[in-house]
Amino acid sequence: EELAQDVEEKVYAMQGLSALEAEEKETQEAALEHINLAIECAEGTDFLYKYILRGELWADRWNLMHKLGMTEDAEAEADERISAFDGLEDAVPHNSYLYYGYRFKAHLAAERGVVLIAKDYMHMAIHAMEIPPAYEQPLAEAFAQTHENASWILREIDRATPDPAQLHWDI
């Protein structure tokens, strides 16, 4: 357990450093290196971490790649992560890889102006997480929006979604 905590602290620190570096254009390449190291470290064990989610680490990578103009590669990686869990939804119902992978794809669809596809991806993302009953009605209302402002709809869905850090995840 002590080793798991050490690994988790190292991953958390690299993720935080990457987030800081990602804010400035001149340090974004270093940010990508640090999030890659965090992923490598986290994926190098089969520990169930207390505070970090492997899917969130990958989402940080994909979002950074998107910022750096590597959107096609990031989307292909997200598709690869999603397909790795194809058919395992019953065995691994609360899956951070699926949640963050579909969420990334939803935001790309929103940027492209394809509202229905963005909402479909967010539906798939939500199905990969544990949703307490108190969140069901606000989520239904957010998804019921019919206008064409995809960014606004996704923001409303995010507001109605429980904080992933406060939920149970199987992986």
Protein backbone atom coordinates (compact mmCIF):
# COMPACT_ATOMS: atom_id res chain seq x y z
CA GLU A 1 0.00 0.00 0.00
CA GLU A 2 2.92 2.33 0.72
CA LEU A 3 4.27 1.76 -2.80
CA ALA A 4 0.84 2.54 -4.28
CA GLN A 5 0.77 5.81 -2.33
CA ASP A 6 4.29 6.72 -3.52
CA VAL A 7 3.36 6.04 -7.15
CA GLU A 8 0.13 8.00 -6.78
CA GLU A 9 1.92 11.01 -5.28
CA LYS A 10 4.47 10.98 -8.12
CA VAL A 11 1.71 10.74 -10.75
CA TYR A 12 -0.29 13.50 -9.07
CA ALA A 13 2.76 15.79 -9.00
CA MET A 14 3.54 15.18 -12.67
CA GLN A 15 -0.09 15.76 -13.61
CA GLY A 16 -0.09 19.05 -11.69
CA LEU A 17 3.19 20.16 -13.25
CA SER A 18 1.84 19.33 -16.69
CA ALA A 19 -1.31 21.36 -16.02
CA LEU A 20 0.79 24.39 -15.06
CA GLU A 21 3.04 24.03 -18.09
CA ALA A 22 0.05 23.59 -20.41
CA GLU A 23 -1.08 27.15 -19.66
CA GLU A 24 1.89 28.74 -21.46
CA LYS A 25 2.51 28.16 -25.16
CA GLU A 26 6.30 27.91 -24.71
CA THR A 27 6.04 25.12 -22.11
CA GLN A 28 3.29 23.01 -23.69
CA GLU A 29 5.75 20.49 -25.16
CA ALA A 30 7.19 19.97 -21.66
CA ALA A 31 3.62 19.61 -20.38
CA LEU A 32 3.05 16.81 -22.87
CA GLU A 33 6.25 15.08 -21.72
CA HIS A 34 5.17 15.30 -18.07
CA ILE A 35 1.64 14.01 -18.66
CA ASN A 36 3.15 11.17 -20.70
CA LEU A 37 5.42 10.32 -17.75
CA ALA A 38 2.44 10.45 -15.39
CA ILE A 39 0.50 8.05 -17.63
CA GLU A 40 3.48 5.72 -17.97
CA CYS A 41 3.94 5.65 -14.21
CA ALA A 42 0.22 5.15 -13.47
CA GLU A 43 -0.22 2.48 -16.13
CA GLY A 44 2.91 0.67 -14.95
CA THR A 45 1.03 -0.78 -11.99
CA ASP A 46 -2.38 -2.31 -11.43
CA PHE A 47 -2.98 -0.30 -8.26
CA LEU A 48 -6.43 1.16 -7.66
CA TYR A 49 -5.45 4.70 -6.75
CA LYS A 50 -7.37 6.78 -4.22
CA TYR A 51 -7.10 10.21 -5.83
CA ILE A 52 -6.09 9.90 -9.47
CA LEU A 53 -8.06 8.47 -12.36
CA ARG A 54 -6.19 6.92 -15.24
CA GLY A 55 -8.87 8.11 -17.65
CA GLU A 56 -8.38 11.68 -16.47
CA LEU A 57 -4.65 11.45 -17.15
CA TRP A 58 -5.38 10.34 -20.71
CA ALA A 59 -7.91 13.17 -21.11
CA ASP A 60 -5.24 15.65 -19.99
CA ARG A 61 -2.98 14.22 -22.70
CA TRP A 62 -5.67 14.37 -25.39
CA ASN A 63 -6.68 17.92 -24.51
CA LEU A 64 -3.06 19.02 -24.61
CA MET A 65 -2.49 17.26 -27.92
CA HIS A 66 -5.57 19.05 -29.25
CA LYS A 67 -4.09 22.38 -28.11
CA LEU A 68 -0.86 21.51 -29.91
CA GLY A 69 -2.67 20.79 -33.18
CA MET A 70 -2.46 17.02 -32.82
CA THR A 71 -6.23 16.56 -32.72
CA GLU A 72 -6.37 13.68 -35.18
CA ASP A 73 -3.84 11.67 -33.14
CA ALA A 74 -5.60 12.51 -29.88
CA GLU A 75 -8.96 11.43 -31.25
CA ALA A 76 -7.45 8.18 -32.57
CA GLU A 77 -5.99 7.47 -29.11
CA ALA A 78 -9.35 8.15 -27.47
CA ASP A 79 -11.02 5.78 -29.93
CA GLU A 80 -8.37 3.16 -29.12
CA ARG A 81 -8.94 3.51 -25.36
CA ILE A 82 -12.70 3.29 -25.84
CA SER A 83 -12.49 0.21 -28.06
CA ALA A 84 -10.21 -1.53 -25.55
CA PHE A 85 -13.21 -1.73 -23.20
CA ASP A 86 -15.79 -2.67 -25.84
CA GLY A 87 -18.14 -5.27 -24.37
CA LEU A 88 -16.80 -4.90 -20.82
CA GLU A 89 -19.42 -2.41 -19.62
CA ASP A 90 -21.08 -4.99 -17.34
CA ALA A 91 -17.78 -6.17 -15.84
CA VAL A 92 -16.41 -2.62 -15.42
CA PRO A 93 -19.46 -0.33 -15.16
CA HIS A 94 -17.70 2.71 -13.67
CA ASN A 95 -14.85 3.23 -16.12
CA SER A 96 -12.86 6.48 -16.13
CA TYR A 97 -11.28 5.63 -19.49
CA LEU A 98 -14.72 5.50 -21.11
CA TYR A 99 -16.02 8.56 -19.28
CA TYR A 100 -13.09 10.77 -20.25
CA GLY A 101 -12.73 9.27 -23.73
CA TYR A 102 -16.34 9.91 -24.65
CA ARG A 103 -16.26 13.32 -22.98
CA PHE A 104 -13.24 14.31 -25.10
CA LYS A 105 -15.03 13.17 -28.24
CA ALA A 106 -18.15 15.10 -27.20
CA HIS A 107 -16.16 18.31 -26.89
CA LEU A 108 -14.58 17.77 -30.30
CA ALA A 109 -18.04 17.24 -31.80
CA ALA A 110 -19.23 20.44 -30.11
CA GLU A 111 -16.31 22.37 -31.58
CA ARG A 112 -17.26 20.99 -34.98
CA GLY A 113 -20.84 22.19 -34.44
CA VAL A 114 -22.44 18.74 -34.41
CA VAL A 115 -24.78 19.06 -31.42
CA LEU A 116 -26.52 15.69 -31.62
CA ILE A 117 -23.23 13.80 -31.87
CA ALA A 118 -21.83 15.80 -28.93
CA LYS A 119 -24.88 14.92 -26.83
CA ASP A 120 -24.65 11.25 -27.88
CA TYR A 121 -21.02 11.08 -26.77
CA MET A 122 -21.92 12.73 -23.45
CA HIS A 123 -24.70 10.16 -22.95
CA MET A 124 -22.11 7.42 -23.44
CA ALA A 125 -19.73 9.19 -21.04
CA ILE A 126 -22.42 9.49 -18.36
CA HIS A 127 -23.24 5.78 -18.70
CA ALA A 128 -19.64 4.98 -17.74
CA MET A 129 -19.96 6.69 -14.35
CA GLU A 130 -21.96 6.22 -11.18
CA ILE A 131 -24.86 8.69 -11.15
CA PRO A 132 -26.47 9.30 -7.75
CA PRO A 133 -30.28 9.72 -8.00
CA ALA A 134 -30.11 13.43 -7.08
CA TYR A 135 -28.31 14.10 -10.39
CA GLU A 136 -30.74 12.29 -12.68
CA GLN A 137 -33.30 15.10 -13.12
CA PRO A 138 -30.77 17.93 -13.66
CA LEU A 139 -28.97 15.74 -16.22
CA ALA A 140 -32.23 14.95 -18.01
CA GLU A 141 -32.98 18.69 -18.20
CA ALA A 142 -29.50 19.48 -19.54
CA PHE A 143 -29.76 16.77 -22.19
CA ALA A 144 -33.27 17.94 -23.17
CA GLN A 145 -31.93 21.22 -24.59
CA THR A 146 -32.70 21.43 -28.30
CA HIS A 147 -30.92 24.58 -29.46
CA GLU A 148 -27.73 24.51 -31.54
CA ASN A 149 -25.27 25.96 -29.01
CA ALA A 150 -23.31 22.76 -28.33
CA SER A 151 -20.79 24.40 -25.99
CA TRP A 152 -23.58 25.77 -23.81
CA ILE A 153 -25.34 22.39 -23.70
CA LEU A 154 -22.12 20.58 -22.72
CA ARG A 155 -21.46 23.20 -20.03
CA GLU A 156 -24.95 22.57 -18.63
CA ILE A 157 -24.37 18.82 -18.72
CA ASP A 158 -21.06 19.32 -16.87
CA ARG A 159 -22.84 21.42 -14.22
CA ALA A 160 -25.44 18.68 -13.76
CA THR A 161 -22.83 15.90 -13.59
CA PRO A 162 -21.41 14.77 -10.25
CA ASP A 163 -17.76 15.59 -9.58
CA PRO A 164 -15.80 12.57 -10.87
CA ALA A 165 -13.37 12.87 -7.95
CA GLN A 166 -16.24 12.18 -5.53
CA LEU A 167 -17.49 9.01 -7.23
CA HIS A 168 -16.65 5.32 -7.10
CA TRP A 169 -14.67 4.10 -10.14
CA ASP A 170 -13.84 0.51 -11.01
CA ILE A 171 -10.91 1.64 -13.13
